[in-house]
Protein backbone atom coordinates (compact mmCIF):
# COMPACT_ATOMS: atom_id res chain seq x y z
CA MET A 1 25.47 46.85 -20.60
CA SER A 2 23.02 44.72 -22.57
CA LEU A 3 20.71 42.45 -20.76
CA PHE A 4 21.14 38.72 -21.24
CA ASN A 5 18.32 36.89 -23.08
CA LEU A 6 18.00 33.13 -22.65
CA THR A 7 16.68 32.72 -26.13
CA GLN A 8 19.99 34.06 -27.58
CA LEU A 9 21.58 30.75 -26.65
CA PRO A 10 21.85 28.00 -29.26
CA ASP A 11 19.63 24.89 -29.04
CA ASP A 12 22.32 22.60 -27.82
CA ILE A 13 23.04 24.84 -24.87
CA LEU A 14 19.31 25.05 -24.05
CA PHE A 15 18.94 21.25 -24.35
CA HIS A 16 21.74 21.04 -21.79
CA VAL A 17 19.99 23.56 -19.43
CA CYS A 18 16.79 21.52 -19.57
CA ASN A 19 18.69 18.44 -18.26
CA PHE A 20 18.84 20.31 -14.83
CA LEU A 21 15.12 20.87 -14.81
CA SER A 22 12.36 18.75 -13.28
CA SER A 23 9.35 17.89 -15.46
CA PRO A 24 7.22 20.68 -13.84
CA GLY A 25 10.12 23.03 -14.50
CA ILE A 26 10.24 22.16 -18.17
CA LEU A 27 6.46 22.87 -18.38
CA GLU A 28 6.98 26.25 -16.67
CA LEU A 29 9.77 27.02 -19.19
CA ARG A 30 7.32 26.27 -21.96
CA LYS A 31 5.08 29.16 -20.92
CA THR A 32 7.72 31.88 -21.35
CA CYS A 33 7.86 32.39 -25.13
CA LYS A 34 7.23 30.69 -28.51
CA ARG A 35 10.72 29.52 -29.09
CA LEU A 36 11.07 27.88 -25.69
CA HIS A 37 7.51 26.48 -26.04
CA ASP A 38 8.62 24.81 -29.28
CA LEU A 39 11.87 23.62 -27.76
CA THR A 40 10.16 21.90 -24.90
CA LEU A 41 8.06 19.91 -27.37
CA GLU A 42 11.23 18.30 -28.75
CA ARG A 43 11.36 14.58 -27.85
CA THR A 44 15.00 14.84 -26.80
CA ILE A 45 14.07 17.08 -23.86
CA TRP A 46 11.74 14.42 -22.40
CA THR A 47 13.82 11.34 -23.10
CA ASN A 48 16.73 13.05 -21.28
CA ALA A 49 14.51 14.01 -18.41
CA TYR A 50 13.32 10.35 -18.26
CA ARG A 51 16.91 9.03 -18.06
CA ASN A 52 17.89 11.57 -15.51
CA PHE A 53 14.88 11.01 -13.24
CA GLY A 54 15.84 8.47 -10.55
CA TYR A 55 12.74 7.13 -8.89
CA PHE A 56 9.12 6.28 -9.48
CA LEU A 57 9.42 5.59 -13.20
CA PRO A 58 8.55 2.45 -15.22
CA PRO A 59 11.47 1.20 -17.33
CA GLY A 60 11.89 3.24 -20.47
CA PRO A 61 11.75 5.46 -22.42
CA SER A 62 10.45 3.58 -25.41
CA ALA A 63 10.75 4.62 -29.05
CA SER A 64 6.99 4.26 -29.35
CA GLN A 65 6.17 6.86 -26.65
CA THR A 66 5.10 10.27 -27.81
CA VAL A 67 6.21 13.51 -26.11
CA HIS A 68 2.90 13.83 -24.40
CA GLU A 69 2.97 10.23 -23.09
CA LEU A 70 6.46 10.87 -21.69
CA GLU A 71 5.24 14.02 -20.01
CA ARG A 72 2.38 12.27 -18.44
CA VAL A 73 4.60 9.48 -17.01
CA LEU A 74 7.19 11.90 -15.75
CA LEU A 75 4.70 14.18 -14.09
CA HIS A 76 3.03 11.27 -12.40
CA ALA A 77 6.39 9.96 -11.17
CA HIS A 78 7.48 13.42 -9.97
CA GLN A 79 4.29 13.72 -7.97
CA TRP A 80 4.96 10.51 -6.04
CA ASP A 81 8.66 11.38 -5.66
CA THR A 82 7.70 14.73 -4.09
CA ILE A 83 5.50 12.91 -1.56
CA TRP A 84 8.19 10.35 -0.84
CA ALA A 85 10.82 13.01 -0.24
CA ILE A 86 8.87 14.96 2.39
CA PRO A 87 10.62 14.14 5.71
CA THR A 88 8.00 15.87 7.79
CA LEU A 89 5.49 13.18 6.85
CA LEU A 90 7.21 10.79 9.28
CA ARG A 91 8.16 13.49 11.91
CA THR A 92 4.90 15.37 12.36
CA ARG A 93 3.45 14.90 15.78
CA ASP A 94 0.24 16.34 17.36
CA HIS A 95 0.10 15.68 20.98
CA ARG A 96 -3.31 15.84 22.64
CA SER A 97 -4.68 14.83 26.00
CA LEU A 98 -7.97 13.04 25.85
CA LYS A 99 -10.64 14.24 28.25
CA ILE A 100 -11.86 10.73 28.90
CA SER A 101 -11.24 8.05 31.37
CA VAL A 102 -11.00 4.63 29.71
CA PRO A 103 -9.84 1.60 31.76
CA LYS A 104 -8.16 -1.45 30.17
CA ILE A 105 -7.84 -0.28 26.54
CA ARG A 106 -7.54 -3.20 24.15
CA SER A 107 -7.82 -1.54 20.65
CA LEU A 108 -7.26 1.87 19.15
CA ALA A 109 -8.27 2.88 15.59
CA LEU A 110 -8.06 6.35 14.05
CA HIS A 111 -10.47 7.28 11.35
CA GLN A 112 -9.87 10.23 8.93
CA GLY A 113 -7.79 12.01 11.66
CA LYS A 114 -11.17 12.98 13.29
CA TYR A 115 -12.48 9.95 15.24
CA LEU A 116 -10.66 7.65 17.63
CA ALA A 117 -12.39 4.28 18.21
CA ILE A 118 -11.42 2.73 21.59
CA GLY A 119 -12.07 -0.90 22.33
CA THR A 120 -12.17 -1.99 25.98
CA LEU A 121 -12.88 -5.26 27.76
CA LYS A 122 -16.61 -4.61 27.63
CA SER A 123 -17.38 -1.77 25.18
CA LEU A 124 -16.59 0.31 22.21
CA ILE A 125 -16.16 4.09 22.66
CA LEU A 126 -16.00 6.64 19.81
CA TYR A 127 -14.15 9.90 20.64
CA ASP A 128 -14.42 13.00 18.43
CA LEU A 129 -10.80 14.46 18.48
CA GLN A 130 -11.95 17.87 16.99
CA ALA A 131 -14.83 18.35 19.48
CA GLU A 132 -12.77 16.64 22.17
CA LYS A 133 -15.64 14.71 23.53
CA GLU A 134 -17.07 11.18 23.59
CA ILE A 135 -19.83 10.83 21.08
CA TYR A 136 -20.66 7.11 21.30
CA ARG A 137 -20.43 4.23 23.73
CA ARG A 138 -21.86 0.78 23.35
CA ASN A 139 -21.48 -2.07 25.89
CA ILE A 140 -20.92 -5.48 24.29
CA PRO A 141 -22.73 -8.30 26.13
CA THR A 142 -20.09 -11.00 25.57
CA LYS A 143 -16.39 -10.16 26.08
CA PRO A 144 -14.97 -8.91 22.76
CA PHE A 145 -11.63 -10.07 21.41
CA TRP A 146 -10.36 -7.02 19.42
CA LEU A 147 -8.34 -8.13 16.38
CA GLN A 148 -5.00 -6.64 15.53
CA CYS A 149 -6.26 -5.28 12.20
CA ARG A 150 -4.60 -3.07 9.63
CA ASN A 151 -6.79 -0.59 7.80
CA ASN A 152 -5.32 0.22 4.37
CA ILE A 153 -3.76 3.71 4.40
CA THR A 154 -4.44 4.54 0.80
CA ASP A 155 -8.14 3.66 1.01
CA SER A 156 -10.21 6.86 0.80
CA SER A 157 -13.40 5.11 1.73
CA ALA A 158 -15.74 6.99 4.08
CA ASN A 159 -16.07 4.04 6.35
CA LEU A 160 -13.82 2.64 9.16
CA TYR A 161 -14.33 -1.09 9.87
CA ILE A 162 -13.31 -2.47 13.28
CA PRO A 163 -13.41 -6.27 13.45
CA PHE A 164 -13.59 -8.25 16.63
CA GLY A 165 -14.45 -11.76 17.68
CA ARG A 166 -16.67 -12.96 20.49
CA GLU A 167 -17.32 -16.42 21.91
CA SER A 168 -20.38 -18.27 20.76
CA GLY A 169 -21.81 -21.18 22.78
CA ASN A 170 -19.40 -23.59 24.34
CA ASN A 171 -16.81 -23.37 21.55
CA THR A 172 -13.62 -21.92 23.20
CA THR A 173 -11.32 -22.53 20.27
CA SER A 174 -12.95 -20.21 17.71
CA LEU A 175 -14.74 -16.90 17.69
CA GLN A 176 -17.66 -15.43 15.81
CA LEU A 177 -16.59 -12.56 13.57
CA CYS A 178 -18.37 -9.26 14.19
CA ILE A 179 -17.52 -5.94 12.43
CA CYS A 180 -18.28 -2.46 13.64
CA LYS A 181 -18.68 0.20 11.00
CA VAL A 182 -18.06 3.88 11.60
CA ASP A 183 -19.04 6.25 8.74
CA SER A 184 -17.76 9.77 7.99
CA LEU A 185 -20.37 11.32 10.34
CA GLY A 186 -19.45 9.16 13.26
CA ASN A 187 -22.55 6.92 13.01
CA THR A 188 -21.77 3.45 14.26
CA THR A 189 -23.41 0.08 13.48
CA PHE A 190 -22.59 -3.52 14.43
CA ASN A 191 -22.93 -6.63 12.20
CA ASP A 192 -22.45 -10.29 12.98
CA ILE A 193 -20.79 -12.14 10.04
CA PRO A 194 -22.34 -15.60 9.82
CA GLY A 195 -20.26 -18.29 8.34
CA VAL A 196 -16.84 -16.83 9.38
CA GLU A 197 -15.16 -18.34 12.50
CA ILE A 198 -11.78 -16.96 13.46
CA THR A 199 -9.08 -17.82 15.86
CA TYR A 200 -7.39 -15.72 18.56
CA ASP A 201 -4.24 -15.44 16.48
CA CYS A 202 -5.78 -14.86 13.04
CA ILE A 203 -4.56 -12.30 10.53
CA ALA A 204 -6.91 -9.44 9.78
CA SER A 205 -6.73 -6.69 7.22
CA VAL A 206 -9.32 -4.18 5.81
CA GLY A 207 -9.35 -2.19 2.63
CA TYR A 208 -11.81 -0.92 0.02
CA ASP A 209 -14.86 -2.54 1.89
CA PHE A 210 -13.06 -5.88 1.91
CA PHE A 211 -11.77 -7.92 4.78
CA VAL A 212 -9.16 -10.78 4.79
CA THR A 213 -8.84 -13.24 7.54
CA SER A 214 -7.87 -16.82 8.23
CA GLN A 215 -10.67 -19.04 9.50
CA HIS A 216 -10.52 -21.60 12.28
CA SER A 217 -10.63 -24.29 9.51
CA GLY A 218 -7.31 -22.97 8.12
CA GLU A 219 -8.88 -21.41 5.05
CA THR A 220 -8.12 -17.80 4.09
CA VAL A 221 -11.27 -15.91 3.14
CA LEU A 222 -12.04 -12.61 1.59
CA LEU A 223 -15.25 -10.91 2.82
CA HIS A 224 -17.01 -8.15 1.04
CA ILE A 225 -18.33 -6.35 4.10
CA PRO A 226 -21.47 -4.41 2.70
CA SER A 227 -22.84 -7.49 0.99
CA GLN A 228 -21.36 -10.03 3.46
CA LYS A 229 -20.31 -12.20 0.52
CA ILE A 230 -17.48 -14.62 1.36
CA TYR A 231 -14.87 -15.74 -1.14
CA ILE A 232 -12.24 -18.46 -0.67
CA ILE A 233 -8.65 -17.68 -1.39
CA ASN A 234 -6.80 -20.56 -3.12
CA ALA A 235 -3.23 -20.13 -2.06
CA ALA A 236 -0.64 -21.42 -4.54
CA SER A 237 1.03 -24.73 -3.63
CA GLY A 238 4.45 -23.03 -3.25
CA THR A 239 3.20 -21.03 -0.29
CA SER A 240 1.70 -23.86 1.66
CA GLU A 241 4.62 -24.09 4.11
CA GLY A 242 4.71 -20.29 4.73
CA HIS A 243 2.34 -18.12 6.75
CA ILE A 244 0.63 -14.79 5.71
CA THR A 245 2.54 -11.87 7.18
CA ASN A 246 1.23 -8.99 5.06
CA VAL A 247 -2.04 -8.28 3.34
CA ILE A 248 -1.95 -5.28 0.95
CA PHE A 249 -5.15 -3.86 -0.52
CA MET A 250 -5.18 -1.94 -3.81
CA PRO A 251 -8.13 -0.47 -5.72
CA THR A 252 -8.54 -3.61 -7.90
CA TYR A 253 -6.27 -6.20 -6.18
CA VAL A 254 -5.29 -7.71 -2.88
CA LEU A 255 -1.70 -8.83 -2.48
CA LEU A 256 -0.83 -11.58 -0.01
CA VAL A 257 2.75 -11.92 1.26
CA PHE A 258 3.85 -15.15 2.83
CA THR A 259 7.07 -15.53 4.85
CA HIS A 260 8.95 -18.83 4.49
CA TYR A 261 12.52 -19.81 5.61
CA VAL A 262 14.73 -21.78 3.31
CA ASN A 263 18.06 -22.89 4.73
CA MET A 264 17.72 -20.36 7.50
CA GLN A 265 17.16 -17.56 4.89
CA GLU A 266 13.92 -15.54 4.91
CA ARG A 267 12.00 -15.47 1.66
CA LYS A 268 8.81 -13.61 0.78
CA TYR A 269 6.25 -15.19 -1.52
CA PHE A 270 3.73 -12.81 -3.23
CA GLU A 271 0.33 -13.77 -4.51
CA LEU A 272 -1.88 -11.23 -6.38
CA TYR A 273 -5.58 -11.73 -6.41
CA PRO A 274 -8.23 -9.56 -8.30
CA LEU A 275 -10.87 -8.12 -5.95
CA PRO A 276 -14.24 -9.75 -7.06
CA ASP A 277 -17.19 -7.73 -8.12
CA PRO A 278 -19.90 -8.56 -5.55
CA MET A 279 -22.62 -7.56 -8.04
CA SER A 280 -21.66 -10.37 -10.44
CA GLU A 281 -19.43 -12.82 -8.55
CA GLU A 282 -21.26 -15.50 -6.56
CA ALA A 283 -20.47 -15.96 -2.89
CA GLY A 284 -18.31 -19.00 -2.18
CA ALA A 285 -16.29 -18.57 -5.41
CA ARG A 286 -12.64 -19.70 -5.14
CA LEU A 287 -10.18 -16.89 -6.05
CA LEU A 288 -7.04 -17.84 -7.94
CA PRO A 289 -3.87 -15.69 -8.11
CA THR A 290 -3.22 -13.97 -11.35
CA HIS A 291 0.55 -13.45 -10.58
CA ILE A 292 2.99 -15.03 -8.14
CA GLY A 293 6.61 -14.29 -7.24
CA ASN A 294 9.20 -14.59 -4.56
CA LEU A 295 11.87 -12.22 -3.18
CA SER A 296 14.72 -12.49 -0.79
CA MET A 297 14.13 -9.31 1.24
CA HIS A 298 13.35 -8.85 4.87
CA PHE A 299 10.65 -6.39 5.75
CA SER A 300 8.01 -6.28 8.48
CA GLU A 301 5.39 -3.97 7.00
CA ALA A 302 4.23 -3.05 3.49
CA SER A 303 1.65 -0.68 2.06
CA PHE A 304 0.41 0.23 -1.39
CA PHE A 305 1.81 3.47 -2.74
CA SER A 306 1.17 3.87 -6.44
CA SER A 307 0.53 1.98 -9.69
CA ASP A 308 1.41 2.66 -13.27
CA THR A 309 1.93 0.98 -16.69
CA SER A 310 5.34 0.25 -18.22
CA VAL A 311 6.30 1.20 -21.74
CA ASP A 312 5.55 -2.30 -22.92
CA GLY A 313 2.05 -2.34 -21.35
CA HIS A 314 2.91 -4.21 -18.14
CA GLU A 315 1.21 -3.22 -14.93
CA ILE A 316 3.54 -1.80 -12.25
CA ILE A 317 2.77 -1.70 -8.48
CA TRP A 318 4.81 0.41 -6.06
CA LEU A 319 4.91 -0.55 -2.40
CA VAL A 320 6.47 1.19 0.58
CA VAL A 321 8.12 -1.46 2.88
CA LEU A 322 9.60 -1.12 6.35
CA ALA A 323 12.81 -2.98 6.79
CA GLY A 324 14.25 -2.39 10.27
CA ILE A 325 13.90 1.39 10.75
CA GLN A 326 14.24 2.14 7.02
CA LEU A 327 11.50 2.75 4.47
CA TRP A 328 12.14 1.39 1.00
CA ALA A 329 10.33 1.70 -2.24
CA LEU A 330 9.64 -1.62 -3.92
CA ARG A 331 8.54 -1.85 -7.55
CA ILE A 332 6.67 -5.05 -8.74
CA THR A 333 6.24 -5.59 -12.48
CA LEU A 334 3.40 -7.94 -13.45
CA GLN A 335 4.60 -10.14 -16.36
CA PRO A 336 2.37 -11.69 -19.03
CA ASP A 337 3.30 -15.21 -17.97
CA GLY A 338 1.87 -14.64 -14.46
CA SER A 339 5.28 -14.02 -12.75
CA MET A 340 6.62 -10.94 -11.03
CA THR A 341 9.83 -9.06 -11.18
CA PHE A 342 11.07 -6.92 -8.28
CA HIS A 343 13.27 -3.87 -8.02
CA SER A 344 13.99 -1.51 -5.10
CA PRO A 345 16.20 1.41 -6.20
CA ASP A 346 17.52 2.31 -2.72
CA TYR A 347 17.53 -1.17 -1.20
CA ASP A 348 19.43 -2.73 -4.04
CA THR A 349 22.09 -0.06 -3.81
CA TYR A 350 22.18 -0.52 -0.01
CA ARG A 351 22.63 -4.30 -0.23
CA PHE A 352 25.42 -3.91 -2.90
CA ALA A 353 27.23 -1.47 -0.60
CA GLN A 354 26.81 -3.86 2.35
CA ARG A 355 28.25 -6.76 0.39
CA THR A 356 31.26 -4.84 -0.89
CA MET A 357 32.10 -3.60 2.63
CA GLN A 358 32.30 -7.23 3.86
CA PRO A 359 35.66 -9.03 3.88
CA MET A 360 36.16 -11.37 0.91
CA ARG A 361 36.14 -14.55 3.00
CA GLU A 362 32.65 -13.63 4.35
CA ARG A 363 31.27 -13.02 0.94
CA ASP A 364 32.61 -16.32 -0.29
CA LEU A 365 30.75 -18.30 2.41
């Protein structure tokens, strides 16, 4: 009995076989022999793979894209799709008992999976999870008010910033902003931030050495922490009636999400601002949004996931949003006119299914 050889198949059959391969699988096939190497350089292989791939891809393919450009985009999307599909990312738990007695905990912040910063009524404690011991404790003379602050999960910076407020003088309606920095070695420093007064219910978000908060005056400010330069965020007029519910940091942008209710329906307004260069941008400058958009979608949390460029050169931002107990991927395309377009592959399908399952009289209301 003769052995079967894949290269004995005609090209049209091999093209069909490649439809069932992932982009890394096509590259592995390329390594087997010269004929399959040449076959996997055919543009048809990659345009079919592009159309069959269902997730983190910009719209396309375009006739102007070369084989190598299609490969790059597909491999990038496959990488993010692999990460997105790992269920253990959400299920992994590591239970530890801390050998420390800490009364009246008010704040917890985890840094690089190694250090746990614990804020109490009167002090800050740094606990080394690997060595299982306390390595730092500092008493704070005035009672600290620990902010509910989000540290951006995609920021690979070596520093953890922990903001808190403390009363200054006889002013009981606002707080002086202070920031504690923890570096990769566990060294801790405290800095008062002059010129920034916050309220007890202010927003707070940190990413890429920047900090966003709303001041007592009502202004939203962007602080570059190392230089202590403060920039004013000029919110678009359409968001004046809403309130900031999400601040999402990216390597070169910060995205503000406002929640507003129109006829009892929740709407999200998005404003995208470029992060200023503190080396060239003067403190006090007013930042204007480069892109704005609005979306009728309920979600409570959002984080930056990835970015890419569409076939027509438009920037694309991928977010992960939490709606109820479900995680959804949200794609934002930045248009040349300053608008945004939105697409969520799973969420759009889900909403369509929900609508089609409702009785006709409900859908007509």
